[in-house]
Amino acid sequence: TAGPSRSELIAEFSAGLVLAFALALLYLAGSFTFTGDFNAISSNS
């Protein structure tokens, strides 16, 4: 019976997306710190 309201769902989806983006920026920042490049994909096909 603990179904959230529509506004709560929208807020949770929005907050989850923004927090995930913040975590991704931290991941990319860590990659740049160790490799000096944001591109983690090799040019080797």
ModelCIF file with pLDDT and N, C-alpha, C, O atoms, coordinates in Angstrom:
data_MODEL
#
_entry.id   MODEL 
#
_entity.id                         1 
_entity.type                       polymer 
_entity.pdbx_number_of_molecules   1 
#
_entity_poly.entity_id                      1 
_entity_poly.type                           'polypeptide(L)' 
_entity_poly.nstd_linkage                   no 
_entity_poly.nstd_monomer                   no 
_entity_poly.pdbx_seq_one_letter_code       TAGPSRSELIAEFSAGLVLAFALALLYLAGSFTFTGDFNAISSNS 
_entity_poly.pdbx_seq_one_letter_code_can   TAGPSRSELIAEFSAGLVLAFALALLYLAGSFTFTGDFNAISSNS 
_entity_poly.pdbx_strand_id                 A 
#
loop_
_entity_poly_seq.entity_id 
_entity_poly_seq.num 
_entity_poly_seq.mon_id 
_entity_poly_seq.hetero 
1 1  THR n 
1 2  ALA n 
1 3  GLY n 
1 4  PRO n 
1 5  SER n 
1 6  ARG n 
1 7  SER n 
1 8  GLU n 
1 9  LEU n 
1 10 ILE n 
1 11 ALA n 
1 12 GLU n 
1 13 PHE n 
1 14 SER n 
1 15 ALA n 
1 16 GLY n 
1 17 LEU n 
1 18 VAL n 
1 19 LEU n 
1 20 ALA n 
1 21 PHE n 
1 22 ALA n 
1 23 LEU n 
1 24 ALA n 
1 25 LEU n 
1 26 LEU n 
1 27 TYR n 
1 28 LEU n 
1 29 ALA n 
1 30 GLY n 
1 31 SER n 
1 32 PHE n 
1 33 THR n 
1 34 PHE n 
1 35 THR n 
1 36 GLY n 
1 37 ASP n 
1 38 PHE n 
1 39 ASN n 
1 40 ALA n 
1 41 ILE n 
1 42 SER n 
1 43 SER n 
1 44 ASN n 
1 45 SER n 
#
_struct_asym.id          A 
_struct_asym.entity_id   1 
#
loop_
_ma_qa_metric.id 
_ma_qa_metric.mode 
_ma_qa_metric.name 
_ma_qa_metric.software_group_id 
_ma_qa_metric.type 
1 global pLDDT . pLDDT 
2 local  pLDDT . pLDDT 
#
_ma_qa_metric_global.metric_id      1 
_ma_qa_metric_global.metric_value   65.73 
_ma_qa_metric_global.model_id       1 
_ma_qa_metric_global.ordinal_id     1 
#
loop_
_ma_qa_metric_local.label_asym_id 
_ma_qa_metric_local.label_comp_id 
_ma_qa_metric_local.label_seq_id 
_ma_qa_metric_local.metric_id 
_ma_qa_metric_local.metric_value 
_ma_qa_metric_local.model_id 
_ma_qa_metric_local.ordinal_id 
A THR 1  2 52.00 1 1  
A ALA 2  2 56.00 1 2  
A GLY 3  2 58.00 1 3  
A PRO 4  2 60.00 1 4  
A SER 5  2 62.00 1 5  
A ARG 6  2 68.00 1 6  
A SER 7  2 73.00 1 7  
A GLU 8  2 73.00 1 8  
A LEU 9  2 75.00 1 9  
A ILE 10 2 81.00 1 10 
A ALA 11 2 80.00 1 11 
A GLU 12 2 77.00 1 12 
A PHE 13 2 79.00 1 13 
A SER 14 2 82.00 1 14 
A ALA 15 2 79.00 1 15 
A GLY 16 2 77.00 1 16 
A LEU 17 2 79.00 1 17 
A VAL 18 2 79.00 1 18 
A LEU 19 2 75.00 1 19 
A ALA 20 2 75.00 1 20 
A PHE 21 2 78.00 1 21 
A ALA 22 2 76.00 1 22 
A LEU 23 2 73.00 1 23 
A ALA 24 2 74.00 1 24 
A LEU 25 2 76.00 1 25 
A LEU 26 2 73.00 1 26 
A TYR 27 2 71.00 1 27 
A LEU 28 2 71.00 1 28 
A ALA 29 2 73.00 1 29 
A GLY 30 2 66.00 1 30 
A SER 31 2 62.00 1 31 
A PHE 32 2 56.00 1 32 
A THR 33 2 53.00 1 33 
A PHE 34 2 47.00 1 34 
A THR 35 2 51.00 1 35 
A GLY 36 2 52.00 1 36 
A ASP 37 2 54.00 1 37 
A PHE 38 2 50.00 1 38 
A ASN 39 2 55.00 1 39 
A ALA 40 2 51.00 1 40 
A ILE 41 2 51.00 1 41 
A SER 42 2 49.00 1 42 
A SER 43 2 50.00 1 43 
A ASN 44 2 53.00 1 44 
A SER 45 2 53.00 1 45 
#
loop_
_atom_site.group_PDB 
_atom_site.id 
_atom_site.type_symbol 
_atom_site.label_atom_id 
_atom_site.label_alt_id 
_atom_site.label_comp_id 
_atom_site.label_asym_id 
_atom_site.label_entity_id 
_atom_site.label_seq_id 
_atom_site.pdbx_PDB_ins_code 
_atom_site.Cartn_x 
_atom_site.Cartn_y 
_atom_site.Cartn_z 
_atom_site.occupancy 
_atom_site.B_iso_or_equiv 
_atom_site.pdbx_formal_charge 
_atom_site.auth_seq_id 
_atom_site.auth_comp_id 
_atom_site.auth_asym_id 
_atom_site.auth_atom_id 
_atom_site.pdbx_PDB_model_num 
ATOM 1   N N  . THR A 1 1  ? 0.814  -1.222 0.000   1.00 52.00 ? 1  THR A N  1 
ATOM 2   C CA . THR A 1 1  ? 0.000  0.000  0.000   1.00 52.00 ? 1  THR A CA 1 
ATOM 3   C C  . THR A 1 1  ? 0.843  1.266  0.000   1.00 52.00 ? 1  THR A C  1 
ATOM 4   O O  . THR A 1 1  ? 0.302  2.367  0.103   1.00 52.00 ? 1  THR A O  1 
ATOM 5   N N  . ALA A 1 2  ? 2.145  1.129  -0.113  1.00 56.00 ? 2  ALA A N  1 
ATOM 6   C CA . ALA A 1 2  ? 3.032  2.291  0.018   1.00 56.00 ? 2  ALA A CA 1 
ATOM 7   C C  . ALA A 1 2  ? 3.356  2.920  -1.323  1.00 56.00 ? 2  ALA A C  1 
ATOM 8   O O  . ALA A 1 2  ? 4.477  3.383  -1.531  1.00 56.00 ? 2  ALA A O  1 
ATOM 9   N N  . GLY A 1 3  ? 2.416  2.945  -2.218  1.00 58.00 ? 3  GLY A N  1 
ATOM 10  C CA . GLY A 1 3  ? 2.649  3.547  -3.517  1.00 58.00 ? 3  GLY A CA 1 
ATOM 11  C C  . GLY A 1 3  ? 2.824  5.050  -3.417  1.00 58.00 ? 3  GLY A C  1 
ATOM 12  O O  . GLY A 1 3  ? 1.974  5.720  -2.831  1.00 58.00 ? 3  GLY A O  1 
ATOM 13  N N  . PRO A 1 4  ? 3.914  5.615  -3.978  1.00 60.00 ? 4  PRO A N  1 
ATOM 14  C CA . PRO A 1 4  ? 4.120  7.057  -3.902  1.00 60.00 ? 4  PRO A CA 1 
ATOM 15  C C  . PRO A 1 4  ? 3.190  7.797  -4.851  1.00 60.00 ? 4  PRO A C  1 
ATOM 16  O O  . PRO A 1 4  ? 2.636  7.207  -5.779  1.00 60.00 ? 4  PRO A O  1 
ATOM 17  N N  . SER A 1 5  ? 3.024  9.088  -4.611  1.00 62.00 ? 5  SER A N  1 
ATOM 18  C CA . SER A 1 5  ? 2.195  9.907  -5.478  1.00 62.00 ? 5  SER A CA 1 
ATOM 19  C C  . SER A 1 5  ? 2.934  10.208 -6.777  1.00 62.00 ? 5  SER A C  1 
ATOM 20  O O  . SER A 1 5  ? 4.125  9.925  -6.908  1.00 62.00 ? 5  SER A O  1 
ATOM 21  N N  . ARG A 1 6  ? 2.212  10.784 -7.731  1.00 68.00 ? 6  ARG A N  1 
ATOM 22  C CA . ARG A 1 6  ? 2.826  11.100 -9.028  1.00 68.00 ? 6  ARG A CA 1 
ATOM 23  C C  . ARG A 1 6  ? 3.940  12.119 -8.869  1.00 68.00 ? 6  ARG A C  1 
ATOM 24  O O  . ARG A 1 6  ? 4.987  11.999 -9.504  1.00 68.00 ? 6  ARG A O  1 
ATOM 25  N N  . SER A 1 7  ? 3.722  13.122 -8.025  1.00 73.00 ? 7  SER A N  1 
ATOM 26  C CA . SER A 1 7  ? 4.758  14.144 -7.817  1.00 73.00 ? 7  SER A CA 1 
ATOM 27  C C  . SER A 1 7  ? 5.997  13.533 -7.169  1.00 73.00 ? 7  SER A C  1 
ATOM 28  O O  . SER A 1 7  ? 7.117  13.921 -7.503  1.00 73.00 ? 7  SER A O  1 
ATOM 29  N N  . GLU A 1 8  ? 5.819  12.582 -6.247  1.00 73.00 ? 8  GLU A N  1 
ATOM 30  C CA . GLU A 1 8  ? 6.962  11.922 -5.620  1.00 73.00 ? 8  GLU A CA 1 
ATOM 31  C C  . GLU A 1 8  ? 7.748  11.106 -6.633  1.00 73.00 ? 8  GLU A C  1 
ATOM 32  O O  . GLU A 1 8  ? 8.979  11.098 -6.600  1.00 73.00 ? 8  GLU A O  1 
ATOM 33  N N  . LEU A 1 9  ? 7.048  10.416 -7.537  1.00 75.00 ? 9  LEU A N  1 
ATOM 34  C CA . LEU A 1 9  ? 7.735  9.639  -8.569  1.00 75.00 ? 9  LEU A CA 1 
ATOM 35  C C  . LEU A 1 9  ? 8.559  10.539 -9.484  1.00 75.00 ? 9  LEU A C  1 
ATOM 36  O O  . LEU A 1 9  ? 9.711  10.236 -9.795  1.00 75.00 ? 9  LEU A O  1 
ATOM 37  N N  . ILE A 1 10 ? 7.961  11.644 -9.910  1.00 81.00 ? 10 ILE A N  1 
ATOM 38  C CA . ILE A 1 10 ? 8.678  12.565 -10.792 1.00 81.00 ? 10 ILE A CA 1 
ATOM 39  C C  . ILE A 1 10 ? 9.910  13.131 -10.095 1.00 81.00 ? 10 ILE A C  1 
ATOM 40  O O  . ILE A 1 10 ? 10.980 13.236 -10.694 1.00 81.00 ? 10 ILE A O  1 
ATOM 41  N N  . ALA A 1 11 ? 9.747  13.498 -8.810  1.00 80.00 ? 11 ALA A N  1 
ATOM 42  C CA . ALA A 1 11 ? 10.880 14.036 -8.050  1.00 80.00 ? 11 ALA A CA 1 
ATOM 43  C C  . ALA A 1 11 ? 11.978 12.995 -7.900  1.00 80.00 ? 11 ALA A C  1 
ATOM 44  O O  . ALA A 1 11 ? 13.159 13.323 -8.019  1.00 80.00 ? 11 ALA A O  1 
ATOM 45  N N  . GLU A 1 12 ? 11.604 11.733 -7.638  1.00 77.00 ? 12 GLU A N  1 
ATOM 46  C CA . GLU A 1 12 ? 12.609 10.683 -7.462  1.00 77.00 ? 12 GLU A CA 1 
ATOM 47  C C  . GLU A 1 12 ? 13.333 10.386 -8.773  1.00 77.00 ? 12 GLU A C  1 
ATOM 48  O O  . GLU A 1 12 ? 14.550 10.206 -8.774  1.00 77.00 ? 12 GLU A O  1 
ATOM 49  N N  . PHE A 1 13 ? 12.608 10.330 -9.882  1.00 79.00 ? 13 PHE A N  1 
ATOM 50  C CA . PHE A 1 13 ? 13.255 10.092 -11.174 1.00 79.00 ? 13 PHE A CA 1 
ATOM 51  C C  . PHE A 1 13 ? 14.212 11.232 -11.504 1.00 79.00 ? 13 PHE A C  1 
ATOM 52  O O  . PHE A 1 13 ? 15.320 10.995 -11.984 1.00 79.00 ? 13 PHE A O  1 
ATOM 53  N N  . SER A 1 14 ? 13.786 12.474 -11.248 1.00 82.00 ? 14 SER A N  1 
ATOM 54  C CA . SER A 1 14 ? 14.640 13.629 -11.545 1.00 82.00 ? 14 SER A CA 1 
ATOM 55  C C  . SER A 1 14 ? 15.886 13.622 -10.664 1.00 82.00 ? 14 SER A C  1 
ATOM 56  O O  . SER A 1 14 ? 16.997 13.836 -11.150 1.00 82.00 ? 14 SER A O  1 
ATOM 57  N N  . ALA A 1 15 ? 15.696 13.375 -9.359  1.00 79.00 ? 15 ALA A N  1 
ATOM 58  C CA . ALA A 1 15 ? 16.837 13.359 -8.450  1.00 79.00 ? 15 ALA A CA 1 
ATOM 59  C C  . ALA A 1 15 ? 17.794 12.218 -8.795  1.00 79.00 ? 15 ALA A C  1 
ATOM 60  O O  . ALA A 1 15 ? 19.011 12.397 -8.757  1.00 79.00 ? 15 ALA A O  1 
ATOM 61  N N  . GLY A 1 16 ? 17.252 11.053 -9.128  1.00 77.00 ? 16 GLY A N  1 
ATOM 62  C CA . GLY A 1 16 ? 18.107 9.928  -9.496  1.00 77.00 ? 16 GLY A CA 1 
ATOM 63  C C  . GLY A 1 16 ? 18.944 10.218 -10.730 1.00 77.00 ? 16 GLY A C  1 
ATOM 64  O O  . GLY A 1 16 ? 20.115 9.845  -10.793 1.00 77.00 ? 16 GLY A O  1 
ATOM 65  N N  . LEU A 1 17 ? 18.341 10.888 -11.720 1.00 79.00 ? 17 LEU A N  1 
ATOM 66  C CA . LEU A 1 17 ? 19.068 11.219 -12.945 1.00 79.00 ? 17 LEU A CA 1 
ATOM 67  C C  . LEU A 1 17 ? 20.197 12.200 -12.664 1.00 79.00 ? 17 LEU A C  1 
ATOM 68  O O  . LEU A 1 17 ? 21.315 12.015 -13.144 1.00 79.00 ? 17 LEU A O  1 
ATOM 69  N N  . VAL A 1 18 ? 19.911 13.239 -11.893 1.00 79.00 ? 18 VAL A N  1 
ATOM 70  C CA . VAL A 1 18 ? 20.940 14.246 -11.596 1.00 79.00 ? 18 VAL A CA 1 
ATOM 71  C C  . VAL A 1 18 ? 22.063 13.650 -10.750 1.00 79.00 ? 18 VAL A C  1 
ATOM 72  O O  . VAL A 1 18 ? 23.238 13.922 -10.997 1.00 79.00 ? 18 VAL A O  1 
ATOM 73  N N  . LEU A 1 19 ? 21.703 12.835 -9.749  1.00 75.00 ? 19 LEU A N  1 
ATOM 74  C CA . LEU A 1 19 ? 22.733 12.217 -8.921  1.00 75.00 ? 19 LEU A CA 1 
ATOM 75  C C  . LEU A 1 19 ? 23.590 11.247 -9.725  1.00 75.00 ? 19 LEU A C  1 
ATOM 76  O O  . LEU A 1 19 ? 24.799 11.155 -9.513  1.00 75.00 ? 19 LEU A O  1 
ATOM 77  N N  . ALA A 1 20 ? 22.961 10.524 -10.648 1.00 75.00 ? 20 ALA A N  1 
ATOM 78  C CA . ALA A 1 20 ? 23.730 9.620  -11.509 1.00 75.00 ? 20 ALA A CA 1 
ATOM 79  C C  . ALA A 1 20 ? 24.698 10.407 -12.383 1.00 75.00 ? 20 ALA A C  1 
ATOM 80  O O  . ALA A 1 20 ? 25.830 9.977  -12.605 1.00 75.00 ? 20 ALA A O  1 
ATOM 81  N N  . PHE A 1 21 ? 24.254 11.562 -12.881 1.00 78.00 ? 21 PHE A N  1 
ATOM 82  C CA . PHE A 1 21 ? 25.128 12.404 -13.695 1.00 78.00 ? 21 PHE A CA 1 
ATOM 83  C C  . PHE A 1 21 ? 26.301 12.913 -12.862 1.00 78.00 ? 21 PHE A C  1 
ATOM 84  O O  . PHE A 1 21 ? 27.428 12.975 -13.353 1.00 78.00 ? 21 PHE A O  1 
ATOM 85  N N  . ALA A 1 22 ? 26.044 13.279 -11.607 1.00 76.00 ? 22 ALA A N  1 
ATOM 86  C CA . ALA A 1 22 ? 27.124 13.724 -10.737 1.00 76.00 ? 22 ALA A CA 1 
ATOM 87  C C  . ALA A 1 22 ? 28.138 12.608 -10.494 1.00 76.00 ? 22 ALA A C  1 
ATOM 88  O O  . ALA A 1 22 ? 29.344 12.852 -10.480 1.00 76.00 ? 22 ALA A O  1 
ATOM 89  N N  . LEU A 1 23 ? 27.644 11.385 -10.303 1.00 73.00 ? 23 LEU A N  1 
ATOM 90  C CA . LEU A 1 23 ? 28.560 10.253 -10.139 1.00 73.00 ? 23 LEU A CA 1 
ATOM 91  C C  . LEU A 1 23 ? 29.379 10.019 -11.402 1.00 73.00 ? 23 LEU A C  1 
ATOM 92  O O  . LEU A 1 23 ? 30.563 9.691  -11.321 1.00 73.00 ? 23 LEU A O  1 
ATOM 93  N N  . ALA A 1 24 ? 28.758 10.184 -12.569 1.00 74.00 ? 24 ALA A N  1 
ATOM 94  C CA . ALA A 1 24 ? 29.478 10.007 -13.826 1.00 74.00 ? 24 ALA A CA 1 
ATOM 95  C C  . ALA A 1 24 ? 30.580 11.051 -13.978 1.00 74.00 ? 24 ALA A C  1 
ATOM 96  O O  . ALA A 1 24 ? 31.670 10.741 -14.458 1.00 74.00 ? 24 ALA A O  1 
ATOM 97  N N  . LEU A 1 25 ? 30.295 12.290 -13.569 1.00 76.00 ? 25 LEU A N  1 
ATOM 98  C CA . LEU A 1 25 ? 31.327 13.327 -13.635 1.00 76.00 ? 25 LEU A CA 1 
ATOM 99  C C  . LEU A 1 25 ? 32.508 12.978 -12.731 1.00 76.00 ? 25 LEU A C  1 
ATOM 100 O O  . LEU A 1 25 ? 33.663 13.194 -13.097 1.00 76.00 ? 25 LEU A O  1 
ATOM 101 N N  . LEU A 1 26 ? 32.211 12.435 -11.548 1.00 73.00 ? 26 LEU A N  1 
ATOM 102 C CA . LEU A 1 26 ? 33.294 12.011 -10.675 1.00 73.00 ? 26 LEU A CA 1 
ATOM 103 C C  . LEU A 1 26 ? 34.111 10.897 -11.319 1.00 73.00 ? 26 LEU A C  1 
ATOM 104 O O  . LEU A 1 26 ? 35.337 10.871 -11.203 1.00 73.00 ? 26 LEU A O  1 
ATOM 105 N N  . TYR A 1 27 ? 33.426 9.975  -11.998 1.00 71.00 ? 27 TYR A N  1 
ATOM 106 C CA . TYR A 1 27 ? 34.122 8.883  -12.680 1.00 71.00 ? 27 TYR A CA 1 
ATOM 107 C C  . TYR A 1 27 ? 35.033 9.429  -13.774 1.00 71.00 ? 27 TYR A C  1 
ATOM 108 O O  . TYR A 1 27 ? 36.186 9.013  -13.894 1.00 71.00 ? 27 TYR A O  1 
ATOM 109 N N  . LEU A 1 28 ? 34.510 10.367 -14.577 1.00 71.00 ? 28 LEU A N  1 
ATOM 110 C CA . LEU A 1 28 ? 35.313 10.952 -15.648 1.00 71.00 ? 28 LEU A CA 1 
ATOM 111 C C  . LEU A 1 28 ? 36.465 11.781 -15.090 1.00 71.00 ? 28 LEU A C  1 
ATOM 112 O O  . LEU A 1 28 ? 37.560 11.801 -15.652 1.00 71.00 ? 28 LEU A O  1 
ATOM 113 N N  . ALA A 1 29 ? 36.207 12.461 -13.982 1.00 73.00 ? 29 ALA A N  1 
ATOM 114 C CA . ALA A 1 29 ? 37.279 13.237 -13.365 1.00 73.00 ? 29 ALA A CA 1 
ATOM 115 C C  . ALA A 1 29 ? 38.394 12.320 -12.874 1.00 73.00 ? 29 ALA A C  1 
ATOM 116 O O  . ALA A 1 29 ? 39.573 12.646 -13.010 1.00 73.00 ? 29 ALA A O  1 
ATOM 117 N N  . GLY A 1 30 ? 38.029 11.187 -12.310 1.00 66.00 ? 30 GLY A N  1 
ATOM 118 C CA . GLY A 1 30 ? 39.036 10.227 -11.890 1.00 66.00 ? 30 GLY A CA 1 
ATOM 119 C C  . GLY A 1 30 ? 39.809 9.668  -13.060 1.00 66.00 ? 30 GLY A C  1 
ATOM 120 O O  . GLY A 1 30 ? 41.021 9.469  -12.967 1.00 66.00 ? 30 GLY A O  1 
ATOM 121 N N  . SER A 1 31 ? 39.118 9.407  -14.175 1.00 62.00 ? 31 SER A N  1 
ATOM 122 C CA . SER A 1 31 ? 39.788 8.916  -15.380 1.00 62.00 ? 31 SER A CA 1 
ATOM 123 C C  . SER A 1 31 ? 40.783 9.944  -15.901 1.00 62.00 ? 31 SER A C  1 
ATOM 124 O O  . SER A 1 31 ? 41.886 9.591  -16.318 1.00 62.00 ? 31 SER A O  1 
ATOM 125 N N  . PHE A 1 32 ? 40.394 11.215 -15.878 1.00 56.00 ? 32 PHE A N  1 
ATOM 126 C CA . PHE A 1 32 ? 41.290 12.270 -16.363 1.00 56.00 ? 32 PHE A CA 1 
ATOM 127 C C  . PHE A 1 32 ? 42.501 12.409 -15.446 1.00 56.00 ? 32 PHE A C  1 
ATOM 128 O O  . PHE A 1 32 ? 43.612 12.673 -15.907 1.00 56.00 ? 32 PHE A O  1 
ATOM 129 N N  . THR A 1 33 ? 42.279 12.228 -14.133 1.00 53.00 ? 33 THR A N  1 
ATOM 130 C CA . THR A 1 33 ? 43.385 12.358 -13.188 1.00 53.00 ? 33 THR A CA 1 
ATOM 131 C C  . THR A 1 33 ? 44.464 11.318 -13.440 1.00 53.00 ? 33 THR A C  1 
ATOM 132 O O  . THR A 1 33 ? 45.653 11.615 -13.331 1.00 53.00 ? 33 THR A O  1 
ATOM 133 N N  . PHE A 1 34 ? 44.048 10.079 -13.782 1.00 47.00 ? 34 PHE A N  1 
ATOM 134 C CA . PHE A 1 34 ? 45.027 8.997  -13.949 1.00 47.00 ? 34 PHE A CA 1 
ATOM 135 C C  . PHE A 1 34 ? 45.566 8.886  -15.370 1.00 47.00 ? 34 PHE A C  1 
ATOM 136 O O  . PHE A 1 34 ? 46.705 8.461  -15.562 1.00 47.00 ? 34 PHE A O  1 
ATOM 137 N N  . THR A 1 35 ? 44.768 9.261  -16.367 1.00 51.00 ? 35 THR A N  1 
ATOM 138 C CA . THR A 1 35 ? 45.187 9.061  -17.758 1.00 51.00 ? 35 THR A CA 1 
ATOM 139 C C  . THR A 1 35 ? 45.444 10.372 -18.489 1.00 51.00 ? 35 THR A C  1 
ATOM 140 O O  . THR A 1 35 ? 46.089 10.376 -19.537 1.00 51.00 ? 35 THR A O  1 
ATOM 141 N N  . GLY A 1 36 ? 44.945 11.494 -17.948 1.00 52.00 ? 36 GLY A N  1 
ATOM 142 C CA . GLY A 1 36 ? 45.115 12.763 -18.633 1.00 52.00 ? 36 GLY A CA 1 
ATOM 143 C C  . GLY A 1 36 ? 44.209 12.927 -19.831 1.00 52.00 ? 36 GLY A C  1 
ATOM 144 O O  . GLY A 1 36 ? 44.433 13.810 -20.659 1.00 52.00 ? 36 GLY A O  1 
ATOM 145 N N  . ASP A 1 37 ? 43.178 12.085 -19.939 1.00 54.00 ? 37 ASP A N  1 
ATOM 146 C CA . ASP A 1 37 ? 42.282 12.137 -21.096 1.00 54.00 ? 37 ASP A CA 1 
ATOM 147 C C  . ASP A 1 37 ? 40.900 11.685 -20.659 1.00 54.00 ? 37 ASP A C  1 
ATOM 148 O O  . ASP A 1 37 ? 40.761 10.710 -19.921 1.00 54.00 ? 37 ASP A O  1 
ATOM 149 N N  . PHE A 1 38 ? 39.862 12.410 -21.124 1.00 50.00 ? 38 PHE A N  1 
ATOM 150 C CA . PHE A 1 38 ? 38.489 12.021 -20.821 1.00 50.00 ? 38 PHE A CA 1 
ATOM 151 C C  . PHE A 1 38 ? 38.008 10.891 -21.719 1.00 50.00 ? 38 PHE A C  1 
ATOM 152 O O  . PHE A 1 38 ? 37.013 10.240 -21.400 1.00 50.00 ? 38 PHE A O  1 
ATOM 153 N N  . ASN A 1 39 ? 38.678 10.644 -22.818 1.00 55.00 ? 39 ASN A N  1 
ATOM 154 C CA . ASN A 1 39 ? 38.254 9.608  -23.756 1.00 55.00 ? 39 ASN A CA 1 
ATOM 155 C C  . ASN A 1 39 ? 38.808 8.270  -23.306 1.00 55.00 ? 39 ASN A C  1 
ATOM 156 O O  . ASN A 1 39 ? 40.001 8.002  -23.442 1.00 55.00 ? 39 ASN A O  1 
ATOM 157 N N  . ALA A 1 40 ? 37.930 7.433  -22.770 1.00 51.00 ? 40 ALA A N  1 
ATOM 158 C CA . ALA A 1 40 ? 38.379 6.129  -22.250 1.00 51.00 ? 40 ALA A CA 1 
ATOM 159 C C  . ALA A 1 40 ? 38.342 5.040  -23.300 1.00 51.00 ? 40 ALA A C  1 
ATOM 160 O O  . ALA A 1 40 ? 38.557 3.871  -22.978 1.00 51.00 ? 40 ALA A O  1 
ATOM 161 N N  . ILE A 1 41 ? 38.072 5.396  -24.568 1.00 51.00 ? 41 ILE A N  1 
ATOM 162 C CA . ILE A 1 41 ? 37.976 4.408  -25.630 1.00 51.00 ? 41 ILE A CA 1 
ATOM 163 C C  . ILE A 1 41 ? 39.245 4.447  -26.469 1.00 51.00 ? 41 ILE A C  1 
ATOM 164 O O  . ILE A 1 41 ? 39.687 5.510  -26.905 1.00 51.00 ? 41 ILE A O  1 
ATOM 165 N N  . SER A 1 42 ? 39.804 3.306  -26.681 1.00 49.00 ? 42 SER A N  1 
ATOM 166 C CA . SER A 1 42 ? 41.014 3.221  -27.489 1.00 49.00 ? 42 SER A CA 1 
ATOM 167 C C  . SER A 1 42 ? 40.697 3.502  -28.953 1.00 49.00 ? 42 SER A C  1 
ATOM 168 O O  . SER A 1 42 ? 39.606 3.196  -29.433 1.00 49.00 ? 42 SER A O  1 
ATOM 169 N N  . SER A 1 43 ? 41.658 4.085  -29.653 1.00 50.00 ? 43 SER A N  1 
ATOM 170 C CA . SER A 1 43 ? 41.485 4.337  -31.085 1.00 50.00 ? 43 SER A CA 1 
ATOM 171 C C  . SER A 1 43 ? 41.686 3.084  -31.911 1.00 50.00 ? 43 SER A C  1 
ATOM 172 O O  . SER A 1 43 ? 41.408 3.076  -33.110 1.00 50.00 ? 43 SER A O  1 
ATOM 173 N N  . ASN A 1 44 ? 42.167 2.026  -31.281 1.00 53.00 ? 44 ASN A N  1 
ATOM 174 C CA . ASN A 1 44 ? 42.377 0.764  -31.974 1.00 53.00 ? 44 ASN A CA 1 
ATOM 175 C C  . ASN A 1 44 ? 41.018 0.120  -32.267 1.00 53.00 ? 44 ASN A C  1 
ATOM 176 O O  . ASN A 1 44 ? 40.251 -0.155 -31.344 1.00 53.00 ? 44 ASN A O  1 
ATOM 177 N N  . SER A 1 45 ? 40.725 -0.115 -33.515 1.00 53.00 ? 45 SER A N  1 
ATOM 178 C CA . SER A 1 45 ? 39.415 -0.639 -33.909 1.00 53.00 ? 45 SER A CA 1 
ATOM 179 C C  . SER A 1 45 ? 39.143 -2.022 -33.356 1.00 53.00 ? 45 SER A C  1 
ATOM 180 O O  . SER A 1 45 ? 38.079 -2.589 -33.605 1.00 53.00 ? 45 SER A O  1 
#
